[in-house]
Structures are given as structure tokens and as C-alpha cells.
Amino acid sequence: MARRREDDRAKLEAAERESPGHLLLRAARLWNERAVARVQRDEPRFRIAHTLLFPHVDFDGTRITDLAARLGISKQAVGKLVAELEEMGTLEALEG
């Protein structure tokens, strides 16, 4: 019985590795890691966590509370990331 479970698990893991969704997620992760590595040459403080914000920032600006809600993380965590990106010159705070 245990052997059968091991075989079933191995088959499931193989199917998962070959699924289009899994392959796309792996490709996206690799793409992101390579992009961050290139940026880190000029700005060593840049982290993958910073890239999580970019798809959620509107061209005209986005409030930290909205970013936090979109990302499902705390306002404090978003505020820290935004402050770091502002310090690097990647984002700019808008007044008003």
C-alpha cells in the first residue's frame, strides 16, 4: 500500500512539473530573478519584494492603502517598500 502511494505521488509530481501552468510560473519566476539581478548591479538594495509593487502602481499614482489591499499585505510593509523605492529614485511621492 505504501509503495502504491509513493508511485501515485511520483506520477502526480511529474504531471505537475510538466503542466503548462507550472512551467509558466517557473518561467515568470526565472524572468523576474534575472531582471532583479541586472538591476542589482546598479542598485544593490533592490530586492524581488520591490517588484511586487510595480504591477499595482497606477501611472497617476496609487495610495499606500490601495497597494496594501491589492497585494494583501500590511500598510506598514508597503510603506517600507515604497520608502525604499523612493530613496532609490524608482518611485516618486505625489503630493495632494
PDB file of N, CA and C in Angstrom:
ATOM      1  N   MET A   1       0.822  -1.193   0.000  1.00  0.00           N
ATOM      2  CA  MET A   1       0.000   0.000   0.000  1.00  0.00           C
ATOM      3  C   MET A   1       0.868   1.260   0.000  1.00  0.00           C
ATOM      4  N   ALA A   2       1.923   1.262   0.835  1.00  0.00           N
ATOM      5  CA  ALA A   2       2.800   2.430   0.891  1.00  0.00           C
ATOM      6  C   ALA A   2       3.515   2.635  -0.439  1.00  0.00           C
ATOM      7  N   ARG A   3       3.882   1.541  -1.076  1.00  0.00           N
ATOM      8  CA  ARG A   3       4.561   1.615  -2.370  1.00  0.00           C
ATOM      9  C   ARG A   3       3.651   2.255  -3.419  1.00  0.00           C
ATOM     10  N   ARG A   4       2.377   1.877  -3.385  1.00  0.00           N
ATOM     11  CA  ARG A   4       1.428   2.444  -4.343  1.00  0.00           C
ATOM     12  C   ARG A   4       1.284   3.947  -4.138  1.00  0.00           C
ATOM     13  N   ARG A   5       1.239   4.372  -2.885  1.00  0.00           N
ATOM     14  CA  ARG A   5       1.149   5.807  -2.595  1.00  0.00           C
ATOM     15  C   ARG A   5       2.377   6.551  -3.103  1.00  0.00           C
ATOM     16  N   GLU A   6       3.546   5.932  -2.951  1.00  0.00           N
ATOM     17  CA  GLU A   6       4.771   6.555  -3.444  1.00  0.00           C
ATOM     18  C   GLU A   6       4.736   6.683  -4.960  1.00  0.00           C
ATOM     19  N   ASP A   7       4.264   5.623  -5.637  1.00  0.00           N
ATOM     20  CA  ASP A   7       4.144   5.660  -7.101  1.00  0.00           C
ATOM     21  C   ASP A   7       3.149   6.729  -7.540  1.00  0.00           C
ATOM     22  N   ASP A   8       2.000   6.791  -6.858  1.00  0.00           N
ATOM     23  CA  ASP A   8       0.988   7.797  -7.192  1.00  0.00           C
ATOM     24  C   ASP A   8       1.538   9.204  -6.981  1.00  0.00           C
ATOM     25  N   ARG A   9       2.271   9.376  -5.892  1.00  0.00           N
ATOM     26  CA  ARG A   9       2.845  10.692  -5.602  1.00  0.00           C
ATOM     27  C   ARG A   9       3.870  11.075  -6.670  1.00  0.00           C
ATOM     28  N   ALA A  10       4.699  10.136  -7.078  1.00  0.00           N
ATOM     29  CA  ALA A  10       5.703  10.403  -8.109  1.00  0.00           C
ATOM     30  C   ALA A  10       5.035  10.783  -9.424  1.00  0.00           C
ATOM     31  N   LYS A  11       3.966  10.093  -9.785  1.00  0.00           N
ATOM     32  CA  LYS A  11       3.236  10.413 -11.013  1.00  0.00           C
ATOM     33  C   LYS A  11       2.622  11.810 -10.937  1.00  0.00           C
ATOM     34  N   LEU A  12       2.043  12.128  -9.796  1.00  0.00           N
ATOM     35  CA  LEU A  12       1.435  13.440  -9.603  1.00  0.00           C
ATOM     36  C   LEU A  12       2.483  14.546  -9.690  1.00  0.00           C
ATOM     37  N   GLU A  13       3.628  14.339  -9.060  1.00  0.00           N
ATOM     38  CA  GLU A  13       4.689  15.343  -9.103  1.00  0.00           C
ATOM     39  C   GLU A  13       5.220  15.522 -10.527  1.00  0.00           C
ATOM     40  N   ALA A  14       5.346  14.432 -11.263  1.00  0.00           N
ATOM     41  CA  ALA A  14       5.811  14.521 -12.656  1.00  0.00           C
ATOM     42  C   ALA A  14       4.799  15.285 -13.507  1.00  0.00           C
ATOM     43  N   ALA A  15       3.523  14.995 -13.316  1.00  0.00           N
ATOM     44  CA  ALA A  15       2.476  15.694 -14.076  1.00  0.00           C
ATOM     45  C   ALA A  15       2.476  17.182 -13.735  1.00  0.00           C
ATOM     46  N   GLU A  16       2.684  17.501 -12.475  1.00  0.00           N
ATOM     47  CA  GLU A  16       2.705  18.899 -12.058  1.00  0.00           C
ATOM     48  C   GLU A  16       3.873  19.634 -12.702  1.00  0.00           C
ATOM     49  N   ARG A  17       5.057  19.017 -12.718  1.00  0.00           N
ATOM     50  CA  ARG A  17       6.238  19.654 -13.313  1.00  0.00           C
ATOM     51  C   ARG A  17       6.045  19.925 -14.801  1.00  0.00           C
ATOM     52  N   GLU A  18       5.254  19.107 -15.468  1.00  0.00           N
ATOM     53  CA  GLU A  18       5.057  19.246 -16.905  1.00  0.00           C
ATOM     54  C   GLU A  18       3.813  20.059 -17.268  1.00  0.00           C
ATOM     55  N   SER A  19       3.027  20.471 -16.292  1.00  0.00           N
ATOM     56  CA  SER A  19       1.803  21.207 -16.595  1.00  0.00           C
ATOM     57  C   SER A  19       2.140  22.601 -17.123  1.00  0.00           C
ATOM     58  N   PRO A  20       1.361  23.110 -18.068  1.00  0.00           N
ATOM     59  CA  PRO A  20       1.622  24.449 -18.619  1.00  0.00           C
ATOM     60  C   PRO A  20       1.630  25.534 -17.535  1.00  0.00           C
ATOM     61  N   GLY A  21       0.723  25.451 -16.600  1.00  0.00           N
ATOM     62  CA  GLY A  21       0.674  26.459 -15.538  1.00  0.00           C
ATOM     63  C   GLY A  21       1.947  26.475 -14.714  1.00  0.00           C
ATOM     64  N   HIS A  22       2.422  25.294 -14.352  1.00  0.00           N
ATOM     65  CA  HIS A  22       3.642  25.194 -13.553  1.00  0.00           C
ATOM     66  C   HIS A  22       4.839  25.720 -14.348  1.00  0.00           C
ATOM     67  N   LEU A  23       4.912  25.364 -15.625  1.00  0.00           N
ATOM     68  CA  LEU A  23       6.013  25.834 -16.468  1.00  0.00           C
ATOM     69  C   LEU A  23       5.982  27.351 -16.622  1.00  0.00           C
ATOM     70  N   LEU A  24       4.788  27.929 -16.772  1.00  0.00           N
ATOM     71  CA  LEU A  24       4.674  29.381 -16.884  1.00  0.00           C
ATOM     72  C   LEU A  24       5.099  30.077 -15.595  1.00  0.00           C
ATOM     73  N   LEU A  25       4.701  29.518 -14.450  1.00  0.00           N
ATOM     74  CA  LEU A  25       5.111  30.108 -13.173  1.00  0.00           C
ATOM     75  C   LEU A  25       6.625  30.055 -13.000  1.00  0.00           C
ATOM     76  N   ARG A  26       7.225  28.936 -13.376  1.00  0.00           N
ATOM     77  CA  ARG A  26       8.680  28.807 -13.281  1.00  0.00           C
ATOM     78  C   ARG A  26       9.370  29.807 -14.204  1.00  0.00           C
ATOM     79  N   ALA A  27       8.841  29.964 -15.420  1.00  0.00           N
ATOM     80  CA  ALA A  27       9.422  30.908 -16.376  1.00  0.00           C
ATOM     81  C   ALA A  27       9.311  32.340 -15.854  1.00  0.00           C
ATOM     82  N   ALA A  28       8.165  32.689 -15.294  1.00  0.00           N
ATOM     83  CA  ALA A  28       7.965  34.037 -14.752  1.00  0.00           C
ATOM     84  C   ALA A  28       8.913  34.304 -13.590  1.00  0.00           C
ATOM     85  N   ARG A  29       9.075  33.315 -12.724  1.00  0.00           N
ATOM     86  CA  ARG A  29       9.977  33.465 -11.576  1.00  0.00           C
ATOM     87  C   ARG A  29      11.417  33.664 -12.056  1.00  0.00           C
ATOM     88  N   LEU A  30      11.844  32.877 -13.043  1.00  0.00           N
ATOM     89  CA  LEU A  30      13.194  32.992 -13.578  1.00  0.00           C
ATOM     90  C   LEU A  30      13.392  34.350 -14.243  1.00  0.00           C
ATOM     91  N   TRP A  31      12.407  34.790 -15.014  1.00  0.00           N
ATOM     92  CA  TRP A  31      12.468  36.100 -15.679  1.00  0.00           C
ATOM     93  C   TRP A  31      12.647  37.205 -14.630  1.00  0.00           C
ATOM     94  N   ASN A  32      11.861  37.139 -13.573  1.00  0.00           N
ATOM     95  CA  ASN A  32      11.912  38.140 -12.507  1.00  0.00           C
ATOM     96  C   ASN A  32      13.275  38.119 -11.811  1.00  0.00           C
ATOM     97  N   GLU A  33      13.776  36.929 -11.510  1.00  0.00           N
ATOM     98  CA  GLU A  33      15.062  36.820 -10.824  1.00  0.00           C
ATOM     99  C   GLU A  33      16.188  37.400 -11.680  1.00  0.00           C
ATOM    100  N   ARG A  34      16.160  37.143 -12.970  1.00  0.00           N
ATOM    101  CA  ARG A  34      17.199  37.678 -13.859  1.00  0.00           C
ATOM    102  C   ARG A  34      17.105  39.194 -13.979  1.00  0.00           C
ATOM    103  N   ALA A  35      15.894  39.709 -14.064  1.00  0.00           N
ATOM    104  CA  ALA A  35      15.710  41.163 -14.141  1.00  0.00           C
ATOM    105  C   ALA A  35      16.217  41.829 -12.873  1.00  0.00           C
ATOM    106  N   VAL A  36      15.892  41.267 -11.731  1.00  0.00           N
ATOM    107  CA  VAL A  36      16.346  41.834 -10.452  1.00  0.00           C
ATOM    108  C   VAL A  36      17.868  41.776 -10.372  1.00  0.00           C
ATOM    109  N   ALA A  37      18.469  40.683 -10.823  1.00  0.00           N
ATOM    110  CA  ALA A  37      19.932  40.563 -10.795  1.00  0.00           C
ATOM    111  C   ALA A  37      20.584  41.672 -11.631  1.00  0.00           C
ATOM    112  N   ARG A  38      19.993  41.999 -12.785  1.00  0.00           N
ATOM    113  CA  ARG A  38      20.539  43.070 -13.623  1.00  0.00           C
ATOM    114  C   ARG A  38      20.436  44.418 -12.919  1.00  0.00           C
ATOM    115  N   VAL A  39      19.291  44.682 -12.304  1.00  0.00           N
ATOM    116  CA  VAL A  39      19.088  45.961 -11.611  1.00  0.00           C
ATOM    117  C   VAL A  39      20.011  46.052 -10.403  1.00  0.00           C
ATOM    118  N   GLN A  40      20.253  44.939  -9.729  1.00  0.00           N
ATOM    119  CA  GLN A  40      21.087  44.949  -8.527  1.00  0.00           C
ATOM    120  C   GLN A  40      22.535  45.335  -8.825  1.00  0.00           C
ATOM    121  N   ARG A  41      22.957  45.232 -10.068  1.00  0.00           N
ATOM    122  CA  ARG A  41      24.321  45.665 -10.409  1.00  0.00           C
ATOM    123  C   ARG A  41      24.479  47.159 -10.131  1.00  0.00           C
ATOM    124  N   ASP A  42      23.424  47.927 -10.444  1.00  0.00           N
ATOM    125  CA  ASP A  42      23.470  49.377 -10.219  1.00  0.00           C
ATOM    126  C   ASP A  42      22.912  49.767  -8.856  1.00  0.00           C
ATOM    127  N   GLU A  43      21.967  49.016  -8.363  1.00  0.00           N
ATOM    128  CA  GLU A  43      21.304  49.328  -7.090  1.00  0.00           C
ATOM    129  C   GLU A  43      21.235  48.057  -6.253  1.00  0.00           C
ATOM    130  N   PRO A  44      22.291  47.779  -5.475  1.00  0.00           N
ATOM    131  CA  PRO A  44      22.355  46.518  -4.726  1.00  0.00           C
ATOM    132  C   PRO A  44      21.230  46.315  -3.706  1.00  0.00           C
ATOM    133  N   ARG A  45      20.560  47.402  -3.308  1.00  0.00           N
ATOM    134  CA  ARG A  45      19.481  47.263  -2.316  1.00  0.00           C
ATOM    135  C   ARG A  45      18.182  46.777  -2.928  1.00  0.00           C
ATOM    136  N   PHE A  46      18.084  46.771  -4.250  1.00  0.00           N
ATOM    137  CA  PHE A  46      16.858  46.363  -4.930  1.00  0.00           C
ATOM    138  C   PHE A  46      16.608  44.875  -4.702  1.00  0.00           C
ATOM    139  N   ARG A  47      15.359  44.555  -4.306  1.00  0.00           N
ATOM    140  CA  ARG A  47      15.001  43.163  -3.991  1.00  0.00           C
ATOM    141  C   ARG A  47      13.765  42.739  -4.786  1.00  0.00           C
ATOM    142  N   ILE A  48      13.579  41.440  -4.856  1.00  0.00           N
ATOM    143  CA  ILE A  48      12.405  40.892  -5.535  1.00  0.00           C
ATOM    144  C   ILE A  48      11.125  41.438  -4.908  1.00  0.00           C
ATOM    145  N   ALA A  49      11.124  41.660  -3.616  1.00  0.00           N
ATOM    146  CA  ALA A  49       9.936  42.192  -2.936  1.00  0.00           C
ATOM    147  C   ALA A  49       9.504  43.523  -3.548  1.00  0.00           C
ATOM    148  N   HIS A  50      10.468  44.314  -4.016  1.00  0.00           N
ATOM    149  CA  HIS A  50      10.123  45.600  -4.631  1.00  0.00           C
ATOM    150  C   HIS A  50       9.331  45.403  -5.917  1.00  0.00           C
ATOM    151  N   THR A  51       9.634  44.348  -6.657  1.00  0.00           N
ATOM    152  CA  THR A  51       8.961  44.130  -7.944  1.00  0.00           C
ATOM    153  C   THR A  51       7.488  43.784  -7.770  1.00  0.00           C
ATOM    154  N   LEU A  52       7.108  43.343  -6.578  1.00  0.00           N
ATOM    155  CA  LEU A  52       5.701  43.018  -6.326  1.00  0.00           C
ATOM    156  C   LEU A  52       4.805  44.246  -6.445  1.00  0.00           C
ATOM    157  N   LEU A  53       5.366  45.402  -6.176  1.00  0.00           N
ATOM    158  CA  LEU A  53       4.572  46.636  -6.213  1.00  0.00           C
ATOM    159  C   LEU A  53       4.254  47.109  -7.628  1.00  0.00           C
ATOM    160  N   PHE A  54       5.195  46.963  -8.535  1.00  0.00           N
ATOM    161  CA  PHE A  54       5.084  47.608  -9.850  1.00  0.00           C
ATOM    162  C   PHE A  54       3.796  47.324 -10.618  1.00  0.00           C
ATOM    163  N   PRO A  55       3.311  46.088 -10.658  1.00  0.00           N
ATOM    164  CA  PRO A  55       2.068  45.869 -11.413  1.00  0.00           C
ATOM    165  C   PRO A  55       0.846  46.565 -10.803  1.00  0.00           C
ATOM    166  N   HIS A  56       0.979  47.006  -9.559  1.00  0.00           N
ATOM    167  CA  HIS A  56      -0.162  47.573  -8.841  1.00  0.00           C
ATOM    168  C   HIS A  56      -0.110  49.097  -8.728  1.00  0.00           C
ATOM    169  N   VAL A  57       0.966  49.693  -9.230  1.00  0.00           N
ATOM    170  CA  VAL A  57       1.096  51.151  -9.169  1.00  0.00           C
ATOM    171  C   VAL A  57       0.496  51.744 -10.437  1.00  0.00           C
ATOM    172  N   ASP A  58      -0.504  52.589 -10.253  1.00  0.00           N
ATOM    173  CA  ASP A  58      -1.135  53.261 -11.382  1.00  0.00           C
ATOM    174  C   ASP A  58      -0.239  54.396 -11.875  1.00  0.00           C
ATOM    175  N   PHE A  59      -0.339  54.716 -13.151  1.00  0.00           N
ATOM    176  CA  PHE A  59       0.506  55.747 -13.745  1.00  0.00           C
ATOM    177  C   PHE A  59       0.347  57.080 -13.018  1.00  0.00           C
ATOM    178  N   ASP A  60      -0.872  57.395 -12.625  1.00  0.00           N
ATOM    179  CA  ASP A  60      -1.139  58.665 -11.942  1.00  0.00           C
ATOM    180  C   ASP A  60      -0.907  58.591 -10.440  1.00  0.00           C
ATOM    181  N   GLY A  61      -0.431  57.462  -9.953  1.00  0.00           N
ATOM    182  CA  GLY A  61      -0.164  57.295  -8.531  1.00  0.00           C
ATOM    183  C   GLY A  61      -1.171  56.385  -7.865  1.00  0.00           C
ATOM    184  N   THR A  62      -0.768  55.796  -6.770  1.00  0.00           N
ATOM    185  CA  THR A  62      -1.612  54.871  -6.021  1.00  0.00           C
ATOM    186  C   THR A  62      -1.337  55.061  -4.538  1.00  0.00           C
ATOM    187  N   ARG A  63      -2.387  55.128  -3.761  1.00  0.00           N
ATOM    188  CA  ARG A  63      -2.230  55.280  -2.311  1.00  0.00           C
ATOM    189  C   ARG A  63      -1.668  53.995  -1.703  1.00  0.00           C
ATOM    190  N   ILE A  64      -0.900  54.169  -0.651  1.00  0.00           N
ATOM    191  CA  ILE A  64      -0.310  53.016   0.031  1.00  0.00           C
ATOM    192  C   ILE A  64      -1.394  52.067   0.520  1.00  0.00           C
ATOM    193  N   THR A  65      -2.506  52.603   1.008  1.00  0.00           N
ATOM    194  CA  THR A  65      -3.591  51.733   1.477  1.00  0.00           C
ATOM    195  C   THR A  65      -4.157  50.890   0.334  1.00  0.00           C
ATOM    196  N   ASP A  66      -4.227  51.480  -0.868  1.00  0.00           N
ATOM    197  CA  ASP A  66      -4.715  50.723  -2.027  1.00  0.00           C
ATOM    198  C   ASP A  66      -3.710  49.647  -2.439  1.00  0.00           C
ATOM    199  N   LEU A  67      -2.419  49.998  -2.409  1.00  0.00           N
ATOM    200  CA  LEU A  67      -1.401  48.995  -2.723  1.00  0.00           C
ATOM    201  C   LEU A  67      -1.459  47.830  -1.741  1.00  0.00           C
ATOM    202  N   ALA A  68      -1.613  48.167  -0.475  1.00  0.00           N
ATOM    203  CA  ALA A  68      -1.678  47.122   0.555  1.00  0.00           C
ATOM    204  C   ALA A  68      -2.867  46.197   0.303  1.00  0.00           C
ATOM    205  N   ALA A  69      -4.001  46.783  -0.038  1.00  0.00           N
ATOM    206  CA  ALA A  69      -5.197  45.974  -0.303  1.00  0.00           C
ATOM    207  C   ALA A  69      -5.006  45.109  -1.545  1.00  0.00           C
ATOM    208  N   ARG A  70      -4.427  45.670  -2.583  1.00  0.00           N
ATOM    209  CA  ARG A  70      -4.208  44.914  -3.825  1.00  0.00           C
ATOM    210  C   ARG A  70      -3.238  43.757  -3.623  1.00  0.00           C
ATOM    211  N   LEU A  71      -2.225  43.984  -2.778  1.00  0.00           N
ATOM    212  CA  LEU A  71      -1.214  42.960  -2.533  1.00  0.00           C
ATOM    213  C   LEU A  71      -1.589  42.006  -1.404  1.00  0.00           C
ATOM    214  N   GLY A  72      -2.531  42.434  -0.576  1.00  0.00           N
ATOM    215  CA  GLY A  72      -2.918  41.599   0.559  1.00  0.00           C
ATOM    216  C   GLY A  72      -1.870  41.568   1.658  1.00  0.00           C
ATOM    217  N   ILE A  73      -1.145  42.692   1.801  1.00  0.00           N
ATOM    218  CA  ILE A  73      -0.155  42.797   2.870  1.00  0.00           C
ATOM    219  C   ILE A  73      -0.416  44.076   3.659  1.00  0.00           C
ATOM    220  N   SER A  74       0.294  44.257   4.750  1.00  0.00           N
ATOM    221  CA  SER A  74       0.030  45.395   5.623  1.00  0.00           C
ATOM    222  C   SER A  74       0.471  46.713   5.000  1.00  0.00           C
ATOM    223  N   LYS A  75      -0.169  47.799   5.472  1.00  0.00           N
ATOM    224  CA  LYS A  75       0.205  49.135   5.024  1.00  0.00           C
ATOM    225  C   LYS A  75       1.653  49.442   5.419  1.00  0.00           C
ATOM    226  N   GLN A  76       2.063  48.935   6.572  1.00  0.00           N
ATOM    227  CA  GLN A  76       3.422  49.163   7.041  1.00  0.00           C
ATOM    228  C   GLN A  76       4.444  48.521   6.102  1.00  0.00           C
ATOM    229  N   ALA A  77       4.155  47.305   5.657  1.00  0.00           N
ATOM    230  CA  ALA A  77       5.068  46.610   4.746  1.00  0.00           C
ATOM    231  C   ALA A  77       5.159  47.347   3.416  1.00  0.00           C
ATOM    232  N   VAL A  78       4.011  47.787   2.894  1.00  0.00           N
ATOM    233  CA  VAL A  78       4.007  48.541   1.635  1.00  0.00           C
ATOM    234  C   VAL A  78       4.730  49.867   1.824  1.00  0.00           C
ATOM    235  N   GLY A  79       4.469  50.531   2.939  1.00  0.00           N
ATOM    236  CA  GLY A  79       5.121  51.805   3.212  1.00  0.00           C
ATOM    237  C   GLY A  79       6.631  51.682   3.227  1.00  0.00           C
ATOM    238  N   LYS A  80       7.125  50.606   3.797  1.00  0.00           N
ATOM    239  CA  LYS A  80       8.572  50.369   3.842  1.00  0.00           C
ATOM    240  C   LYS A  80       9.129  50.167   2.432  1.00  0.00           C
ATOM    241  N   LEU A  81       8.454  49.353   1.632  1.00  0.00           N
ATOM    242  CA  LEU A  81       8.908  49.118   0.259  1.00  0.00           C
ATOM    243  C   LEU A  81       8.876  50.403  -0.562  1.00  0.00           C
ATOM    244  N   VAL A  82       7.795  51.165  -0.418  1.00  0.00           N
ATOM    245  CA  VAL A  82       7.666  52.432  -1.156  1.00  0.00           C
ATOM    246  C   VAL A  82       8.763  53.397  -0.733  1.00  0.00           C
ATOM    247  N   ALA A  83       9.025  53.501   0.564  1.00  0.00           N
ATOM    248  CA  ALA A  83      10.073  54.400   1.051  1.00  0.00           C
ATOM    249  C   ALA A  83      11.433  54.003   0.478  1.00  0.00           C
ATOM    250  N   GLU A  84      11.705  52.718   0.424  1.00  0.00           N
ATOM    251  CA  GLU A  84      12.972  52.246  -0.137  1.00  0.00           C
ATOM    252  C   GLU A  84      13.073  52.586  -1.623  1.00  0.00           C
ATOM    253  N   LEU A  85      11.987  52.399  -2.350  1.00  0.00           N
ATOM    254  CA  LEU A  85      11.985  52.705  -3.784  1.00  0.00           C
ATOM    255  C   LEU A  85      12.096  54.203  -4.035  1.00  0.00           C
ATOM    256  N   GLU A  86      11.496  55.006  -3.161  1.00  0.00           N
ATOM    257  CA  GLU A  86      11.640  56.463  -3.279  1.00  0.00           C
ATOM    258  C   GLU A  86      13.098  56.867  -3.052  1.00  0.00           C
ATOM    259  N   GLU A  87      13.711  56.260  -2.045  1.00  0.00           N
ATOM    260  CA  GLU A  87      15.108  56.555  -1.725  1.00  0.00           C
ATOM    261  C   GLU A  87      16.033  56.187  -2.891  1.00  0.00           C
ATOM    262  N   MET A  88      15.680  55.133  -3.612  1.00  0.00           N
ATOM    263  CA  MET A  88      16.475  54.702  -4.769  1.00  0.00           C
ATOM    264  C   MET A  88      16.178  55.531  -6.010  1.00  0.00           C
ATOM    265  N   GLY A  89      15.118  56.337  -5.955  1.00  0.00           N
ATOM    266  CA  GLY A  89      14.735  57.139  -7.110  1.00  0.00           C
ATOM    267  C   GLY A  89      13.863  56.389  -8.114  1.00  0.00           C
ATOM    268  N   THR A  90      13.310  55.264  -7.695  1.00  0.00           N
ATOM    269  CA  THR A  90      12.487  54.448  -8.582  1.00  0.00           C
ATOM    270  C   THR A  90      11.041  54.896  -8.568  1.00  0.00           C
ATOM    271  N   LEU A  91      10.547  55.324  -7.407  1.00  0.00           N
ATOM    272  CA  LEU A  91       9.190  55.865  -7.273  1.00  0.00           C
ATOM    273  C   LEU A  91       9.292  57.288  -6.755  1.00  0.00           C
ATOM    274  N   GLU A  92       8.238  58.038  -7.010  1.00  0.00           N
ATOM    275  CA  GLU A  92       8.187  59.413  -6.556  1.00  0.00           C
ATOM    276  C   GLU A  92       6.872  59.650  -5.827  1.00  0.00           C
ATOM    277  N   ALA A  93       6.949  60.245  -4.654  1.00  0.00           N
ATOM    278  CA  ALA A  93       5.741  60.571  -3.890  1.00  0.00           C
ATOM    279  C   ALA A  93       5.031  61.743  -4.543  1.00  0.00           C
ATOM    280  N   LEU A  94       3.725  61.626  -4.689  1.00  0.00           N
ATOM    281  CA  LEU A  94       2.925  62.718  -5.231  1.00  0.00           C
ATOM    282  C   LEU A  94       2.220  63.434  -4.092  1.00  0.00           C
ATOM    283  N   GLU A  95       2.187  64.710  -4.149  1.00  0.00           N
ATOM    284  CA  GLU A  95       1.502  65.495  -3.129  1.00  0.00           C
ATOM    285  C   GLU A  95       0.096  65.799  -3.586  1.00  0.00           C
ATOM    286  N   GLY A  96      -0.811  65.843  -2.606  1.00  0.00           N
ATOM    287  CA  GLY A  96      -2.191  66.257  -2.897  1.00  0.00           C
ATOM    288  C   GLY A  96      -3.017  65.107  -3.205  1.00  0.00           C
TER     289      GLY A  96
END
